[in-house]
């Protein structure tokens, strides 16, 4: 039986209406694909706390997690991911890729220009549709 992993990710938008996108490194699972940054929810923390902690650890900046905008389950070959995506506001600092290969800011209408991790694709499509 495959393990289910609960993961949170943030849609962090800047003042230019660009979204922060993170490229998974070649050492990560599902390498060289883009994702909304975030990570695993640990025991005894809620989803907002997990997202704020993960962004601080992975991108060296402070955010405020907001409402859930997408919650979906995706089955990969070796595991199942329950991906919870939330709005997030950058409070302090500039995102720096520490675990990812790189991070970029992309306009919402250009989100489909990069190769996303399969679990993130439904959220990307939803965000782009809402922006039309």
C-alpha atoms as a PDB file:
ATOM      1  CA  UNK A   1       0.000   0.000   0.000  1.00  0.00           C
ATOM      2  CA  UNK A   2       1.271   3.445  -0.950  1.00  0.00           C
ATOM      3  CA  UNK A   3       1.969   6.016   1.734  1.00  0.00           C
ATOM      4  CA  UNK A   4      -0.175   9.190   1.676  1.00  0.00           C
ATOM      5  CA  UNK A   5       1.746  12.388   2.363  1.00  0.00           C
ATOM      6  CA  UNK A   6      -0.052  15.584   3.427  1.00  0.00           C
ATOM      7  CA  UNK A   7       1.620  18.583   1.811  1.00  0.00           C
ATOM      8  CA  UNK A   8       0.860  22.305   1.913  1.00  0.00           C
ATOM      9  CA  UNK A   9       1.885  24.826  -0.732  1.00  0.00           C
ATOM     10  CA  UNK A  10       1.508  28.563  -1.093  1.00  0.00           C
ATOM     11  CA  UNK A  11       0.371  30.758  -3.930  1.00  0.00           C
ATOM     12  CA  UNK A  12       2.511  33.760  -3.066  1.00  0.00           C
ATOM     13  CA  UNK A  13       1.724  36.795  -5.203  1.00  0.00           C
ATOM     14  CA  UNK A  14       3.865  39.924  -5.455  1.00  0.00           C
ATOM     15  CA  UNK A  15       2.791  43.518  -6.105  1.00  0.00           C
ATOM     16  CA  UNK A  16       3.103  42.928  -9.881  1.00  0.00           C
ATOM     17  CA  UNK A  17       0.512  40.095  -9.774  1.00  0.00           C
ATOM     18  CA  UNK A  18       3.252  37.520 -10.317  1.00  0.00           C
ATOM     19  CA  UNK A  19       3.222  34.128  -8.588  1.00  0.00           C
ATOM     20  CA  UNK A  20       6.274  32.538  -6.954  1.00  0.00           C
ATOM     21  CA  UNK A  21       7.199  29.246  -8.638  1.00  0.00           C
ATOM     22  CA  UNK A  22       9.880  26.818  -7.409  1.00  0.00           C
ATOM     23  CA  UNK A  23      11.850  24.350  -9.553  1.00  0.00           C
ATOM     24  CA  UNK A  24      12.372  20.965  -7.881  1.00  0.00           C
ATOM     25  CA  UNK A  25      16.058  20.035  -7.869  1.00  0.00           C
ATOM     26  CA  UNK A  26      17.449  16.916  -9.512  1.00  0.00           C
ATOM     27  CA  UNK A  27      17.853  15.325  -6.056  1.00  0.00           C
ATOM     28  CA  UNK A  28      14.155  15.690  -5.136  1.00  0.00           C
ATOM     29  CA  UNK A  29      11.362  13.315  -6.096  1.00  0.00           C
ATOM     30  CA  UNK A  30       9.650  14.420  -9.338  1.00  0.00           C
ATOM     31  CA  UNK A  31      12.832  16.341 -10.287  1.00  0.00           C
ATOM     32  CA  UNK A  32      13.049  19.271 -12.700  1.00  0.00           C
ATOM     33  CA  UNK A  33       9.369  20.150 -12.443  1.00  0.00           C
ATOM     34  CA  UNK A  34       7.875  23.325 -11.044  1.00  0.00           C
ATOM     35  CA  UNK A  35       5.662  23.593  -7.999  1.00  0.00           C
ATOM     36  CA  UNK A  36       4.097  26.064  -5.639  1.00  0.00           C
ATOM     37  CA  UNK A  37       6.560  26.142  -2.718  1.00  0.00           C
ATOM     38  CA  UNK A  38       5.739  24.417   0.547  1.00  0.00           C
ATOM     39  CA  UNK A  39       6.241  21.056   2.195  1.00  0.00           C
ATOM     40  CA  UNK A  40       4.997  18.323   4.491  1.00  0.00           C
ATOM     41  CA  UNK A  41       2.678  18.957   7.401  1.00  0.00           C
ATOM     42  CA  UNK A  42       4.246  17.687  10.613  1.00  0.00           C
ATOM     43  CA  UNK A  43       2.383  16.159  13.537  1.00  0.00           C
ATOM     44  CA  UNK A  44       0.846  18.717  15.913  1.00  0.00           C
ATOM     45  CA  UNK A  45       0.810  21.624  13.432  1.00  0.00           C
ATOM     46  CA  UNK A  46      -2.059  22.969  11.379  1.00  0.00           C
ATOM     47  CA  UNK A  47      -1.811  23.627   7.650  1.00  0.00           C
ATOM     48  CA  UNK A  48      -1.153  27.365   7.973  1.00  0.00           C
ATOM     49  CA  UNK A  49       1.610  26.809  10.526  1.00  0.00           C
ATOM     50  CA  UNK A  50       3.164  24.135   8.300  1.00  0.00           C
ATOM     51  CA  UNK A  51       3.192  26.422   5.263  1.00  0.00           C
ATOM     52  CA  UNK A  52       4.684  29.349   7.165  1.00  0.00           C
ATOM     53  CA  UNK A  53       7.398  27.091   8.635  1.00  0.00           C
ATOM     54  CA  UNK A  54       8.221  25.406   5.316  1.00  0.00           C
ATOM     55  CA  UNK A  55       8.523  28.706   3.441  1.00  0.00           C
ATOM     56  CA  UNK A  56      10.810  30.075   6.136  1.00  0.00           C
ATOM     57  CA  UNK A  57      12.985  26.926   6.069  1.00  0.00           C
ATOM     58  CA  UNK A  58      13.103  26.514   2.279  1.00  0.00           C
ATOM     59  CA  UNK A  59      13.025  30.112   1.019  1.00  0.00           C
ATOM     60  CA  UNK A  60      14.362  32.145   3.955  1.00  0.00           C
ATOM     61  CA  UNK A  61      11.406  34.527   4.051  1.00  0.00           C
ATOM     62  CA  UNK A  62       8.325  35.086   6.177  1.00  0.00           C
ATOM     63  CA  UNK A  63       4.785  34.666   4.887  1.00  0.00           C
ATOM     64  CA  UNK A  64       1.267  34.755   6.286  1.00  0.00           C
ATOM     65  CA  UNK A  65      -0.775  31.763   5.142  1.00  0.00           C
ATOM     66  CA  UNK A  66      -4.356  32.492   4.164  1.00  0.00           C
ATOM     67  CA  UNK A  67      -7.369  30.582   2.905  1.00  0.00           C
ATOM     68  CA  UNK A  68      -7.247  27.211   1.177  1.00  0.00           C
ATOM     69  CA  UNK A  69      -7.764  27.689  -2.556  1.00  0.00           C
ATOM     70  CA  UNK A  70      -7.288  24.090  -3.691  1.00  0.00           C
ATOM     71  CA  UNK A  71      -7.281  20.686  -1.988  1.00  0.00           C
ATOM     72  CA  UNK A  72      -6.673  17.614  -4.125  1.00  0.00           C
ATOM     73  CA  UNK A  73      -5.180  14.141  -3.930  1.00  0.00           C
ATOM     74  CA  UNK A  74      -2.806  12.878  -6.627  1.00  0.00           C
ATOM     75  CA  UNK A  75      -1.412   9.371  -6.945  1.00  0.00           C
ATOM     76  CA  UNK A  76       2.189   9.062  -8.089  1.00  0.00           C
ATOM     77  CA  UNK A  77       3.943   5.785  -8.863  1.00  0.00           C
ATOM     78  CA  UNK A  78       5.444   5.411  -5.371  1.00  0.00           C
ATOM     79  CA  UNK A  79       3.223   7.550  -3.110  1.00  0.00           C
ATOM     80  CA  UNK A  80      -0.020   9.520  -2.826  1.00  0.00           C
ATOM     81  CA  UNK A  81       0.012  13.244  -2.117  1.00  0.00           C
ATOM     82  CA  UNK A  82      -2.791  15.203  -0.488  1.00  0.00           C
ATOM     83  CA  UNK A  83      -1.887  18.695  -1.705  1.00  0.00           C
ATOM     84  CA  UNK A  84      -3.470  21.643   0.074  1.00  0.00           C
ATOM     85  CA  UNK A  85      -2.756  24.954  -1.641  1.00  0.00           C
ATOM     86  CA  UNK A  86      -3.341  28.242   0.167  1.00  0.00           C
ATOM     87  CA  UNK A  87      -3.136  31.919  -0.584  1.00  0.00           C
ATOM     88  CA  UNK A  88      -0.090  33.418   1.089  1.00  0.00           C
ATOM     89  CA  UNK A  89       1.265  36.914   1.575  1.00  0.00           C
ATOM     90  CA  UNK A  90       4.970  37.709   1.652  1.00  0.00           C
ATOM     91  CA  UNK A  91       5.597  39.561   4.921  1.00  0.00           C
ATOM     92  CA  UNK A  92       9.376  39.864   5.099  1.00  0.00           C
ATOM     93  CA  UNK A  93      12.423  38.969   3.033  1.00  0.00           C
ATOM     94  CA  UNK A  94      13.128  37.938  -0.527  1.00  0.00           C
ATOM     95  CA  UNK A  95      12.609  34.272  -1.456  1.00  0.00           C
ATOM     96  CA  UNK A  96      15.928  32.440  -1.916  1.00  0.00           C
ATOM     97  CA  UNK A  97      16.119  28.864  -3.255  1.00  0.00           C
ATOM     98  CA  UNK A  98      17.826  26.753  -0.598  1.00  0.00           C
ATOM     99  CA  UNK A  99      16.457  23.298  -1.489  1.00  0.00           C
ATOM    100  CA  UNK A 100      15.013  24.025  -4.928  1.00  0.00           C
ATOM    101  CA  UNK A 101      17.102  24.492  -8.075  1.00  0.00           C
ATOM    102  CA  UNK A 102      15.655  28.004  -8.428  1.00  0.00           C
ATOM    103  CA  UNK A 103      12.637  30.218  -7.843  1.00  0.00           C
ATOM    104  CA  UNK A 104      11.024  32.656 -10.260  1.00  0.00           C
ATOM    105  CA  UNK A 105       8.126  35.100 -10.312  1.00  0.00           C
ATOM    106  CA  UNK A 106       5.711  34.437 -13.199  1.00  0.00           C
ATOM    107  CA  UNK A 107       2.668  36.441 -14.309  1.00  0.00           C
ATOM    108  CA  UNK A 108      -0.526  34.457 -13.672  1.00  0.00           C
ATOM    109  CA  UNK A 109      -1.323  34.261 -17.396  1.00  0.00           C
ATOM    110  CA  UNK A 110       2.111  32.672 -18.037  1.00  0.00           C
ATOM    111  CA  UNK A 111       1.877  29.902 -15.444  1.00  0.00           C
ATOM    112  CA  UNK A 112       1.283  27.340 -18.182  1.00  0.00           C
ATOM    113  CA  UNK A 113       4.639  28.206 -19.805  1.00  0.00           C
ATOM    114  CA  UNK A 114       6.593  25.894 -17.472  1.00  0.00           C
ATOM    115  CA  UNK A 115       6.453  22.155 -16.743  1.00  0.00           C
ATOM    116  CA  UNK A 116       4.564  21.662 -13.469  1.00  0.00           C
ATOM    117  CA  UNK A 117       4.646  18.656 -11.138  1.00  0.00           C
ATOM    118  CA  UNK A 118       1.498  16.638 -11.924  1.00  0.00           C
ATOM    119  CA  UNK A 119      -0.080  17.253  -8.491  1.00  0.00           C
ATOM    120  CA  UNK A 120       0.122  21.039  -9.001  1.00  0.00           C
ATOM    121  CA  UNK A 121      -1.478  21.120 -12.473  1.00  0.00           C
ATOM    122  CA  UNK A 122      -5.159  21.212 -11.347  1.00  0.00           C
ATOM    123  CA  UNK A 123      -4.393  24.204  -9.091  1.00  0.00           C
ATOM    124  CA  UNK A 124      -2.497  25.989 -11.885  1.00  0.00           C
ATOM    125  CA  UNK A 125      -5.473  25.510 -14.212  1.00  0.00           C
ATOM    126  CA  UNK A 126      -7.905  26.747 -11.535  1.00  0.00           C
ATOM    127  CA  UNK A 127      -5.831  29.861 -10.801  1.00  0.00           C
ATOM    128  CA  UNK A 128      -5.455  30.722 -14.491  1.00  0.00           C
ATOM    129  CA  UNK A 129      -9.186  30.228 -15.132  1.00  0.00           C
ATOM    130  CA  UNK A 130     -10.102  32.493 -12.196  1.00  0.00           C
ATOM    131  CA  UNK A 131      -7.780  35.144 -13.618  1.00  0.00           C
ATOM    132  CA  UNK A 132      -9.402  35.231 -17.079  1.00  0.00           C
END
